[in-house]
Amino acid sequence: MRHLIHAFLFAAAVVIARADGPADNLTDKVRRIPPPGIALPDEARRELTVGAAQLAGEIDALRGSLTNKPALLARLPDVQVLHKAVDWALRYDEFFRTNEVKAAREQLDEARRRLAALREGRTPWLEQAGPVALGYVSRIDGSVQPFGLVIPEGFAAGTPHRWRLDFWFHGRGEQLSELAFVTDRTRNRGEFASTNAFVLHPYGRYCNGSRFAGETDAWEAFEEVKRLFPIDEDRLVVRGFSLGGASCWHFAVHHAWKWAAAAPGAGFSETAEFLNVFQNEKLTPAPWEQKLWALHDATANALNVSMVPLVAYSGEIDRQKQAADVMAAALEKEGMELSHIIGPKTAHSYEKGAKAEINRRIDALAARGREALPKVVRFTTPSLRYHRMAWVTVDALGTHWDPARVEATVRADGDNLVASTHNVTAITFELPPGLAPFDVRHDILVELDGFRIRMGPPQTDRSWKASFHREGTNWVAGPLPGNGLRKRPGLQGPIDDAFMDSFLFVRPTGQPLNAAVGNWVSSELAHAVEHWRRHYRGEVRIKDDTAVTDEDIAGSHLVLWGDPKSNAQFARIADKLGIRWDANGVHTPAAGYPVNQFVPAFIYPNPLNPERYVVVNSGFTFREYDYLNNARQTPKLPDWAILDITKPMTSRAPAGISAAGFFGENWEWKP
């Protein structure tokens, strides 16, 4: 029985799903994702190959002529993404249907039309209502990524009106290549299209539930839309169904304060119960893996729903109704009742009447817009990866992966702010210009976990900001002192966190410590490069260790492959990292590991640039087995692991895992 059926409704971007069978629980018989494509007729392959090659040359030529025309050069990705869709389908055997040959021809033709228009200084594809496929260059790996946009009928360039925008996250599609995605996004308006709203359709870098690089993709696409069109950031709506519903739960909970409304449909909202119910999988997670579920589980962060108006949808007889049911239980524990619309006698789709009711509610919420300054902020997070809620920023935690909580209230009538916290050691309150409700002539009394601290008044632009940190058990005013190593937002691990921003693979050119280490590194490096392309749809930026520049160190996380003998960049910093590795083996404060059997994989602030990571011997940590169900795509390694390379690489791990754990809040060794 196959995983989630590929016969999905492109118009709705919905995958019709059924339960995975036992075959997808077998780690030694994992089917390939994306699957192999169909054989193309030789004539069609030659035609498309020649056409794609010619187009690549024309793109390069135009790029040179647009050097002094930055606005037009910025639209070149709208052409490049059409070329990539065809080129990658040819290069990587990703034609899945016979009608995709026709679609490829159409995309090459559209690319040529766009090139011709750019030569004339025009961008007509941005000036017509309806669905359009666009592109941007990702800061993560320099790849061109597609996204879809529906331009509303009433939009006219140059008007002062700012427009509502809805995010719509697509369902699971194992055959959702760039070619398939772009084809759909040029033909279909989508499940929910409006005459008075733009709709952004992120690609999400294929099929990962908008996690890690998939999450970054949505925000990068959004930034591109904001550069092009007048978007009202107080009227953003997040929606999705099936896998897109899982994405919606994630974005609604972890970025709750950004939305005027959220409308998740089906999908999954957590890891353990969903895989047990839907996949019939008996989970035996390592302790660190179970802790890391909280990074994405909406149930673990249910308190944050108090910060966003949310309307959930399920079909009455859809097994994925489980997502809303388990969220309802989590919300009840936080004192909230889930607004849950149920389509009667409906399986995995929207029922007509329920859909109309969802639209009625979401339209009303979007028209009202998000609250500019919520008087009360309630916030929970297990990680500084998700550190902000409206005007509250958590700057440091007591212990990562234990839930931190904040409840903060602005009291304008008394010129004071009251907050209670748990597992928080540094915090900032920032009220933006025009929104601080305090008297500009009076000091502000902050009551923080019972400590009373008097701070200065708002500035005359009606903004106000104050930071606090713990000294022992006391709260004192001011940010955390010093610039020493500590976990901070965007520099807190685990290993997978490095692949949400710009990274560079650094390849060893020297002799390894021994042949066993060298062979494992070569194999795992090749695996990481291939699976980044396959699963996150980009080509890894990679350099030899001897070619790394100061600019690389300043601008990217460095992923160092090899050991301190084989990799010159590793050798520069080997004595400044949290795990020591030398000719005698791998050494931690807890144990030593023989050099011919063990390799460390870990993440750590780069001693050459502590604002960036180094990662040693690891790509993203979930593997082929986890591709079969998106709920499995959680971090499989924490901050560090000791790998036994005498144990074979599998579909679940790069080697045997002898030990693993987290560094402390100051990146110190933690038993």
Foldseek 3Di string as FASTA:
>chain_A
DAFFDQPDDLQALETRGAFDDCQLQDQFRFADFLHAADDDDPVLLVVLVVLLVVLVVLLVVVLVVCPVPVVLNQQSLQLVLLSCLSVCCSVVRQHHDPCLSVLNVVSSVVSVVCSVQSVVVDRVQLAAAAKAKGWGQAQAFRDIFIKMKGHAHPDDPPDPDAAAEEEEEGAAHSSCGSSNNRSSRVPHRHDDHDNGYMYIYFCLLHGQLCPQQSVLRVVVVVVVVVVPGRHDQLQYEYEYAASSLLNQLQCCQLAVQRHLEYEREQHAQFFDVCCCQRHVDDDDADPVQVLQSQQRRSLVRLQSNVQHHYAYEYEPAESSVVRVVSSQVSVVVVVDGHRYQYHYPDYRDDHPVSVVVVCVVSVVSSVVGHDLADQKGKGKGQALLRADDRQKGQWFFQWHSPIKIKIKGQDQVVQEIEMEIDRTFKMKGKDDFPGQSHDQVDWYWYQYNNDTDTGHGADPSNIDMWMWGDDDNDIDTDGDDDDAFFDGHLRFDDPSSQSNRYEEEEAFDFDALDPLLVVLLVVLVVVQQVVCCSRSVHGHHYDYLVPDDPCNVAGGAYEYTGALGRHVLCVVCQVPAQWHQDSQATDHPVDGDGNNFKDKWFKAQDPSHSVHIYTYRDHQQAFSSCSSDSSSRTGSAGGMWIFGSVAPCTRGGSHHTPDGDGATRSSHDDD
